[in-house]
Amino acid sequence: MSEKNSYPGYLQTVLTNRCPRCREGRLFESTNPYTLGKVLKMNERCPVCSQPTEIEVGFYYGTAYVSYALTVAFSIATFIAWWILIGFSLQDGDYRVLYWGITNAVLMIVLQPVLMRLSRSLWLSWFVKFEPDWKDKEIDRHTLERMVPDHMKNW
């Protein structure tokens, strides 16, 4: 009976901001999303498998759409939770909808660094495939051909 390597699942990899290729290396320099100045500071390459984290110039602009979808989903979830736990009423003059809106806004501001990192992790995982035998295989040349070192950090 052959022993298979145990790798974390896709969801765990994305939620813990791990490299999508090897599912081991950390994508960000700091593990704490609330470290000022390093919120979005990513390693240039995965420290484990050397997968580049920026595939092409401006690669992470697409994360704005992912972040938007995450914040909408979060707002819908808090709205439903508020509705079930506290409820909404239009007759009693209560401002429960306003209280939900304020609470939701504060939570989204507090969670913004986490949501931004999560959107980057998701975005990268959609373009870089998991490679269980990454030690025996080279990095996909298509990934490297799209990078122009002279244009990096030239914004």
N, C-alpha and C. Protein backbone atom coordinates (compact mmCIF):
# COMPACT_ATOMS: atom_id res chain seq x y z
N MET A 1 0.85 -1.18 0.00
CA MET A 1 0.00 0.00 0.00
C MET A 1 0.89 1.24 0.00
N SER A 2 0.69 2.10 -0.96
CA SER A 2 1.51 3.31 -1.04
C SER A 2 0.97 4.39 -0.12
N GLU A 3 1.90 5.13 0.42
CA GLU A 3 1.53 6.22 1.34
C GLU A 3 1.38 7.51 0.54
N LYS A 4 0.22 8.14 0.62
CA LYS A 4 -0.03 9.38 -0.11
C LYS A 4 0.32 10.57 0.78
N ASN A 5 0.83 11.61 0.12
CA ASN A 5 1.10 12.84 0.86
C ASN A 5 -0.22 13.48 1.25
N SER A 6 -0.26 14.01 2.43
CA SER A 6 -1.47 14.66 2.90
C SER A 6 -1.32 16.17 2.72
N TYR A 7 -2.16 16.72 1.86
CA TYR A 7 -2.14 18.15 1.60
C TYR A 7 -3.44 18.75 2.11
N PRO A 8 -3.39 20.00 2.57
CA PRO A 8 -4.64 20.64 2.99
C PRO A 8 -5.55 20.82 1.78
N GLY A 9 -6.84 20.89 2.05
CA GLY A 9 -7.82 21.08 0.98
C GLY A 9 -7.77 22.49 0.42
N TYR A 10 -8.51 22.67 -0.67
CA TYR A 10 -8.54 23.97 -1.35
C TYR A 10 -9.02 25.08 -0.42
N LEU A 11 -10.12 24.86 0.27
CA LEU A 11 -10.69 25.89 1.13
C LEU A 11 -9.72 26.27 2.25
N GLN A 12 -9.10 25.29 2.88
CA GLN A 12 -8.14 25.58 3.94
C GLN A 12 -6.93 26.34 3.39
N THR A 13 -6.51 25.99 2.19
CA THR A 13 -5.37 26.67 1.56
C THR A 13 -5.68 28.14 1.32
N VAL A 14 -6.87 28.42 0.81
CA VAL A 14 -7.27 29.80 0.52
C VAL A 14 -7.45 30.58 1.81
N LEU A 15 -8.13 30.00 2.79
CA LEU A 15 -8.40 30.71 4.04
C LEU A 15 -7.14 30.99 4.85
N THR A 16 -6.12 30.16 4.71
CA THR A 16 -4.87 30.37 5.45
C THR A 16 -3.81 31.07 4.60
N ASN A 17 -4.20 31.54 3.41
CA ASN A 17 -3.31 32.29 2.51
C ASN A 17 -2.04 31.52 2.18
N ARG A 18 -2.23 30.30 1.72
CA ARG A 18 -1.10 29.45 1.32
C ARG A 18 -0.96 29.43 -0.19
N CYS A 19 0.19 29.04 -0.66
CA CYS A 19 0.47 28.93 -2.08
C CYS A 19 -0.47 27.90 -2.71
N PRO A 20 -1.13 28.25 -3.81
CA PRO A 20 -2.04 27.28 -4.42
C PRO A 20 -1.33 26.12 -5.13
N ARG A 21 -0.06 26.29 -5.48
CA ARG A 21 0.67 25.25 -6.19
C ARG A 21 1.10 24.13 -5.25
N CYS A 22 1.74 24.48 -4.13
CA CYS A 22 2.23 23.45 -3.20
C CYS A 22 1.35 23.32 -1.95
N ARG A 23 0.53 24.34 -1.69
CA ARG A 23 -0.36 24.40 -0.53
C ARG A 23 0.39 24.38 0.80
N GLU A 24 1.65 24.78 0.77
CA GLU A 24 2.46 24.81 1.99
C GLU A 24 2.98 26.20 2.31
N GLY A 25 3.56 26.87 1.33
CA GLY A 25 4.20 28.16 1.56
C GLY A 25 3.21 29.28 1.81
N ARG A 26 3.62 30.24 2.61
CA ARG A 26 2.77 31.40 2.92
C ARG A 26 2.91 32.44 1.81
N LEU A 27 1.77 33.03 1.43
CA LEU A 27 1.78 34.04 0.37
C LEU A 27 2.25 35.40 0.87
N PHE A 28 1.94 35.74 2.11
CA PHE A 28 2.23 37.07 2.62
C PHE A 28 3.44 37.05 3.56
N GLU A 29 4.17 38.16 3.57
CA GLU A 29 5.35 38.25 4.43
C GLU A 29 5.00 38.16 5.91
N SER A 30 3.90 38.79 6.29
CA SER A 30 3.46 38.77 7.68
C SER A 30 2.20 37.92 7.79
N THR A 31 2.13 37.09 8.82
CA THR A 31 0.93 36.27 9.00
C THR A 31 -0.21 37.07 9.60
N ASN A 32 0.10 38.20 10.22
CA ASN A 32 -0.91 39.04 10.85
C ASN A 32 -1.43 40.06 9.83
N PRO A 33 -2.71 40.00 9.46
CA PRO A 33 -3.22 40.95 8.46
C PRO A 33 -3.33 42.38 8.99
N TYR A 34 -3.17 42.57 10.28
CA TYR A 34 -3.31 43.90 10.86
C TYR A 34 -1.95 44.56 11.12
N THR A 35 -0.87 44.00 10.59
CA THR A 35 0.44 44.63 10.69
C THR A 35 0.47 45.79 9.71
N LEU A 36 0.51 47.00 10.24
CA LEU A 36 0.48 48.19 9.38
C LEU A 36 1.67 48.20 8.44
N GLY A 37 1.42 48.57 7.22
CA GLY A 37 2.48 48.64 6.22
C GLY A 37 2.75 47.32 5.53
N LYS A 38 2.24 46.21 6.07
CA LYS A 38 2.49 44.90 5.46
C LYS A 38 1.19 44.15 5.19
N VAL A 39 0.10 44.88 5.13
CA VAL A 39 -1.21 44.24 4.93
C VAL A 39 -1.21 43.42 3.64
N LEU A 40 -0.75 44.01 2.54
CA LEU A 40 -0.76 43.33 1.25
C LEU A 40 0.63 42.99 0.74
N LYS A 41 1.64 43.08 1.59
CA LYS A 41 3.01 42.78 1.18
C LYS A 41 3.19 41.27 1.02
N MET A 42 3.33 40.86 -0.24
CA MET A 42 3.43 39.43 -0.54
C MET A 42 4.88 39.04 -0.81
N ASN A 43 5.19 37.78 -0.57
CA ASN A 43 6.48 37.24 -0.97
C ASN A 43 6.52 37.23 -2.50
N GLU A 44 7.66 37.55 -3.09
CA GLU A 44 7.76 37.53 -4.54
C GLU A 44 7.56 36.13 -5.09
N ARG A 45 8.04 35.15 -4.35
CA ARG A 45 7.89 33.74 -4.71
C ARG A 45 7.50 32.96 -3.46
N CYS A 46 6.85 31.86 -3.68
CA CYS A 46 6.52 30.98 -2.56
C CYS A 46 7.82 30.51 -1.91
N PRO A 47 7.94 30.61 -0.59
CA PRO A 47 9.16 30.19 0.07
C PRO A 47 9.40 28.68 0.00
N VAL A 48 8.40 27.91 -0.38
CA VAL A 48 8.54 26.45 -0.43
C VAL A 48 8.80 25.96 -1.85
N CYS A 49 7.95 26.36 -2.82
CA CYS A 49 8.06 25.80 -4.19
C CYS A 49 8.55 26.81 -5.22
N SER A 50 8.77 28.05 -4.84
CA SER A 50 9.26 29.12 -5.70
C SER A 50 8.27 29.57 -6.77
N GLN A 51 6.99 29.31 -6.58
CA GLN A 51 5.96 29.80 -7.51
C GLN A 51 5.89 31.32 -7.39
N PRO A 52 5.99 32.06 -8.51
CA PRO A 52 5.84 33.52 -8.43
C PRO A 52 4.43 33.88 -7.95
N THR A 53 4.33 34.88 -7.10
CA THR A 53 3.02 35.28 -6.60
C THR A 53 2.38 36.36 -7.47
N GLU A 54 3.19 37.06 -8.24
CA GLU A 54 2.64 38.04 -9.18
C GLU A 54 2.93 37.52 -10.57
N ILE A 55 1.89 37.02 -11.22
CA ILE A 55 2.05 36.34 -12.50
C ILE A 55 2.34 37.33 -13.63
N GLU A 56 1.72 38.49 -13.58
CA GLU A 56 1.96 39.52 -14.59
C GLU A 56 1.73 40.88 -13.97
N VAL A 57 2.16 41.90 -14.66
CA VAL A 57 2.00 43.26 -14.17
C VAL A 57 0.52 43.58 -14.02
N GLY A 58 0.14 44.10 -12.88
CA GLY A 58 -1.25 44.45 -12.62
C GLY A 58 -2.15 43.26 -12.38
N PHE A 59 -1.57 42.12 -12.06
CA PHE A 59 -2.33 40.87 -11.90
C PHE A 59 -3.44 40.99 -10.86
N TYR A 60 -3.19 41.69 -9.78
CA TYR A 60 -4.15 41.72 -8.67
C TYR A 60 -5.24 42.78 -8.81
N TYR A 61 -5.31 43.48 -9.94
CA TYR A 61 -6.42 44.42 -10.14
C TYR A 61 -7.76 43.69 -10.16
N GLY A 62 -7.77 42.46 -10.59
CA GLY A 62 -9.00 41.67 -10.63
C GLY A 62 -9.55 41.34 -9.26
N THR A 63 -8.72 41.48 -8.24
CA THR A 63 -9.19 41.16 -6.89
C THR A 63 -10.23 42.16 -6.40
N ALA A 64 -10.36 43.29 -7.05
CA ALA A 64 -11.40 44.25 -6.66
C ALA A 64 -12.78 43.63 -6.82
N TYR A 65 -12.97 42.85 -7.88
CA TYR A 65 -14.24 42.18 -8.10
C TYR A 65 -14.48 41.10 -7.05
N VAL A 66 -13.43 40.37 -6.73
CA VAL A 66 -13.55 39.31 -5.71
C VAL A 66 -13.85 39.94 -4.36
N SER A 67 -13.15 41.00 -4.02
CA SER A 67 -13.38 41.68 -2.75
C SER A 67 -14.80 42.23 -2.68
N TYR A 68 -15.29 42.77 -3.78
CA TYR A 68 -16.66 43.27 -3.83
C TYR A 68 -17.65 42.14 -3.56
N ALA A 69 -17.45 41.01 -4.22
CA ALA A 69 -18.35 39.86 -4.02
C ALA A 69 -18.30 39.37 -2.57
N LEU A 70 -17.12 39.36 -1.98
CA LEU A 70 -16.99 38.93 -0.58
C LEU A 70 -17.72 39.89 0.37
N THR A 71 -17.60 41.19 0.13
CA THR A 71 -18.26 42.15 1.02
C THR A 71 -19.78 42.11 0.85
N VAL A 72 -20.25 41.90 -0.37
CA VAL A 72 -21.70 41.76 -0.59
C VAL A 72 -22.21 40.50 0.12
N ALA A 73 -21.49 39.39 -0.03
CA ALA A 73 -21.89 38.15 0.64
C ALA A 73 -21.87 38.32 2.16
N PHE A 74 -20.85 39.01 2.68
CA PHE A 74 -20.77 39.26 4.12
C PHE A 74 -21.95 40.11 4.58
N SER A 75 -22.29 41.14 3.82
CA SER A 75 -23.40 42.02 4.19
C SER A 75 -24.73 41.27 4.17
N ILE A 76 -24.92 40.42 3.18
CA ILE A 76 -26.15 39.62 3.12
C ILE A 76 -26.21 38.67 4.31
N ALA A 77 -25.08 38.05 4.64
CA ALA A 77 -25.05 37.12 5.78
C ALA A 77 -25.35 37.84 7.09
N THR A 78 -24.78 39.03 7.30
CA THR A 78 -25.06 39.76 8.54
C THR A 78 -26.50 40.25 8.58
N PHE A 79 -27.05 40.61 7.41
CA PHE A 79 -28.44 41.04 7.35
C PHE A 79 -29.37 39.90 7.75
N ILE A 80 -29.13 38.72 7.20
CA ILE A 80 -29.97 37.56 7.53
C ILE A 80 -29.81 37.18 9.00
N ALA A 81 -28.56 37.19 9.50
CA ALA A 81 -28.34 36.87 10.91
C ALA A 81 -29.04 37.88 11.81
N TRP A 82 -28.96 39.16 11.47
CA TRP A 82 -29.62 40.21 12.26
C TRP A 82 -31.14 40.02 12.24
N TRP A 83 -31.66 39.70 11.06
CA TRP A 83 -33.10 39.51 10.88
C TRP A 83 -33.60 38.34 11.74
N ILE A 84 -32.83 37.24 11.76
CA ILE A 84 -33.24 36.06 12.53
C ILE A 84 -33.07 36.29 14.03
N LEU A 85 -31.95 36.87 14.44
CA LEU A 85 -31.66 37.02 15.87
C LEU A 85 -32.34 38.22 16.52
N ILE A 86 -32.40 39.33 15.82
CA ILE A 86 -32.93 40.56 16.42
C ILE A 86 -34.25 40.96 15.78
N GLY A 87 -34.32 40.83 14.49
CA GLY A 87 -35.54 41.16 13.76
C GLY A 87 -35.59 42.60 13.30
N PHE A 88 -36.47 42.85 12.35
CA PHE A 88 -36.69 44.19 11.83
C PHE A 88 -38.16 44.53 11.99
N SER A 89 -38.42 45.77 12.25
CA SER A 89 -39.81 46.20 12.40
C SER A 89 -39.95 47.60 11.84
N LEU A 90 -40.99 47.80 11.07
CA LEU A 90 -41.25 49.12 10.51
C LEU A 90 -42.33 49.88 11.29
N GLN A 91 -43.09 49.18 12.13
CA GLN A 91 -44.20 49.82 12.83
C GLN A 91 -43.82 50.49 14.14
N ASP A 92 -42.86 49.97 14.85
CA ASP A 92 -42.62 50.50 16.20
C ASP A 92 -41.66 51.69 16.24
N GLY A 93 -41.25 52.20 15.10
CA GLY A 93 -40.38 53.36 15.08
C GLY A 93 -38.95 53.02 15.50
N ASP A 94 -38.67 51.72 15.59
CA ASP A 94 -37.33 51.28 15.98
C ASP A 94 -36.38 51.48 14.80
N TYR A 95 -35.14 51.74 15.09
CA TYR A 95 -34.15 51.98 14.04
C TYR A 95 -33.25 50.77 13.86
N ARG A 96 -33.83 49.58 13.86
CA ARG A 96 -33.03 48.35 13.79
C ARG A 96 -32.27 48.23 12.47
N VAL A 97 -32.86 48.68 11.38
CA VAL A 97 -32.16 48.63 10.09
C VAL A 97 -30.94 49.55 10.14
N LEU A 98 -31.09 50.71 10.73
CA LEU A 98 -29.97 51.63 10.89
C LEU A 98 -28.88 51.02 11.76
N TYR A 99 -29.28 50.38 12.86
CA TYR A 99 -28.31 49.74 13.75
C TYR A 99 -27.57 48.62 13.03
N TRP A 100 -28.31 47.84 12.21
CA TRP A 100 -27.65 46.80 11.42
C TRP A 100 -26.65 47.43 10.46
N GLY A 101 -27.04 48.49 9.76
CA GLY A 101 -26.15 49.14 8.80
C GLY A 101 -24.88 49.65 9.45
N ILE A 102 -25.01 50.26 10.62
CA ILE A 102 -23.83 50.76 11.34
C ILE A 102 -22.95 49.61 11.79
N THR A 103 -23.57 48.58 12.35
CA THR A 103 -22.81 47.40 12.80
C THR A 103 -22.11 46.74 11.63
N ASN A 104 -22.81 46.59 10.51
CA ASN A 104 -22.22 45.97 9.33
C ASN A 104 -21.05 46.80 8.81
N ALA A 105 -21.20 48.11 8.77
CA ALA A 105 -20.12 48.99 8.29
C ALA A 105 -18.88 48.89 9.18
N VAL A 106 -19.09 48.89 10.48
CA VAL A 106 -17.96 48.77 11.41
C VAL A 106 -17.26 47.42 11.24
N LEU A 107 -18.04 46.35 11.13
CA LEU A 107 -17.45 45.03 10.94
C LEU A 107 -16.67 44.94 9.63
N MET A 108 -17.20 45.54 8.57
CA MET A 108 -16.49 45.49 7.29
C MET A 108 -15.20 46.30 7.33
N ILE A 109 -15.20 47.41 8.05
CA ILE A 109 -13.96 48.19 8.19
C ILE A 109 -12.92 47.39 8.96
N VAL A 110 -13.36 46.75 10.03
CA VAL A 110 -12.44 45.96 10.86
C VAL A 110 -11.92 44.74 10.08
N LEU A 111 -12.76 44.12 9.29
CA LEU A 111 -12.37 42.92 8.55
C LEU A 111 -11.74 43.20 7.18
N GLN A 112 -11.61 44.45 6.80
CA GLN A 112 -11.09 44.79 5.47
C GLN A 112 -9.72 44.17 5.17
N PRO A 113 -8.74 44.23 6.07
CA PRO A 113 -7.45 43.58 5.76
C PRO A 113 -7.59 42.08 5.50
N VAL A 114 -8.44 41.42 6.26
CA VAL A 114 -8.66 39.99 6.08
C VAL A 114 -9.33 39.72 4.74
N LEU A 115 -10.33 40.52 4.38
CA LEU A 115 -11.03 40.35 3.12
C LEU A 115 -10.12 40.64 1.92
N MET A 116 -9.25 41.63 2.04
CA MET A 116 -8.33 41.93 0.94
C MET A 116 -7.35 40.79 0.72
N ARG A 117 -6.82 40.22 1.80
CA ARG A 117 -5.91 39.08 1.67
C ARG A 117 -6.64 37.86 1.12
N LEU A 118 -7.84 37.64 1.60
CA LEU A 118 -8.61 36.50 1.12
C LEU A 118 -8.91 36.64 -0.38
N SER A 119 -9.21 37.84 -0.83
CA SER A 119 -9.48 38.03 -2.26
C SER A 119 -8.23 37.79 -3.10
N ARG A 120 -7.07 38.17 -2.61
CA ARG A 120 -5.82 37.90 -3.34
C ARG A 120 -5.53 36.40 -3.38
N SER A 121 -5.74 35.75 -2.26
CA SER A 121 -5.51 34.31 -2.20
C SER A 121 -6.45 33.56 -3.15
N LEU A 122 -7.71 33.94 -3.16
CA LEU A 122 -8.68 33.34 -4.08
C LEU A 122 -8.28 33.59 -5.53
N TRP A 123 -7.96 34.83 -5.85
CA TRP A 123 -7.62 35.21 -7.22
C TRP A 123 -6.43 34.40 -7.73
N LEU A 124 -5.38 34.29 -6.92
CA LEU A 124 -4.20 33.54 -7.33
C LEU A 124 -4.53 32.06 -7.50
N SER A 125 -5.38 31.54 -6.64
CA SER A 125 -5.71 30.11 -6.71
C SER A 125 -6.50 29.76 -7.97
N TRP A 126 -7.15 30.73 -8.60
CA TRP A 126 -7.89 30.48 -9.83
C TRP A 126 -6.96 30.41 -11.04
N PHE A 127 -5.75 30.92 -10.92
CA PHE A 127 -4.82 30.95 -12.05
C PHE A 127 -3.64 30.01 -11.89
N VAL A 128 -3.37 29.57 -10.68
CA VAL A 128 -2.26 28.65 -10.42
C VAL A 128 -2.85 27.33 -9.93
N LYS A 129 -2.58 26.27 -10.64
CA LYS A 129 -3.14 24.97 -10.30
C LYS A 129 -2.34 24.29 -9.20
N PHE A 130 -3.05 23.48 -8.41
CA PHE A 130 -2.41 22.66 -7.38
C PHE A 130 -1.59 21.58 -8.07
N GLU A 131 -0.36 21.42 -7.62
CA GLU A 131 0.54 20.42 -8.19
C GLU A 131 1.06 19.53 -7.05
N PRO A 132 0.43 18.36 -6.84
CA PRO A 132 0.86 17.51 -5.73
C PRO A 132 2.31 17.03 -5.88
N ASP A 133 2.79 16.93 -7.12
CA ASP A 133 4.18 16.50 -7.35
C ASP A 133 5.06 17.68 -7.72
N TRP A 134 4.87 18.80 -7.04
CA TRP A 134 5.60 20.02 -7.38
C TRP A 134 7.10 19.86 -7.24
N LYS A 135 7.55 18.95 -6.38
CA LYS A 135 9.00 18.76 -6.19
C LYS A 135 9.66 18.17 -7.43
N ASP A 136 8.87 17.40 -8.19
CA ASP A 136 9.41 16.73 -9.37
C ASP A 136 9.13 17.48 -10.67
N LYS A 137 8.32 18.52 -10.61
CA LYS A 137 7.93 19.24 -11.82
C LYS A 137 8.34 20.70 -11.74
N GLU A 138 8.71 21.24 -12.89
CA GLU A 138 9.09 22.65 -12.94
C GLU A 138 7.85 23.52 -12.96
N ILE A 139 8.04 24.80 -12.67
CA ILE A 139 6.95 25.76 -12.72
C ILE A 139 6.51 25.92 -14.17
N ASP A 140 5.22 26.06 -14.38
CA ASP A 140 4.64 26.22 -15.71
C ASP A 140 5.29 27.40 -16.43
N ARG A 141 5.87 27.15 -17.60
CA ARG A 141 6.57 28.21 -18.36
C ARG A 141 5.62 29.31 -18.81
N HIS A 142 4.34 29.00 -19.03
CA HIS A 142 3.37 30.04 -19.40
C HIS A 142 3.29 31.10 -18.32
N THR A 143 3.40 30.67 -17.09
CA THR A 143 3.34 31.60 -15.97
C THR A 143 4.52 32.56 -16.01
N LEU A 144 5.69 32.04 -16.31
CA LEU A 144 6.89 32.87 -16.30
C LEU A 144 7.00 33.76 -17.54
N GLU A 145 6.44 33.34 -18.66
CA GLU A 145 6.56 34.11 -19.89
C GLU A 145 5.75 35.40 -19.84
N ARG A 146 4.72 35.46 -19.02
CA ARG A 146 3.89 36.66 -18.97
C ARG A 146 4.51 37.75 -18.10
N MET A 147 5.58 37.43 -17.40
CA MET A 147 6.21 38.42 -16.52
C MET A 147 7.27 39.20 -17.29
N VAL A 148 7.24 40.51 -17.16
CA VAL A 148 8.26 41.37 -17.75
C VAL A 148 8.94 42.10 -16.58
N PRO A 149 10.10 41.64 -16.17
CA PRO A 149 10.76 42.22 -14.99
C PRO A 149 10.94 43.73 -15.06
N ASP A 150 11.14 44.28 -16.28
CA ASP A 150 11.33 45.71 -16.41
C ASP A 150 10.07 46.50 -16.08
N HIS A 151 8.92 45.87 -16.20
CA HIS A 151 7.65 46.56 -15.92
C HIS A 151 7.15 46.36 -14.49
N MET A 152 7.78 45.48 -13.76
CA MET A 152 7.34 45.23 -12.39
C MET A 152 7.58 46.47 -11.52
N LYS A 153 6.64 46.76 -10.68
CA LYS A 153 6.71 47.90 -9.74
C LYS A 153 6.97 49.21 -10.48
N ASN A 154 6.43 49.34 -11.68
CA ASN A 154 6.63 50.52 -12.49
C ASN A 154 5.31 51.28 -12.64
N TRP A 155 4.51 51.32 -11.60
CA TRP A 155 3.19 51.94 -11.67
C TRP A 155 3.24 53.29 -11.06
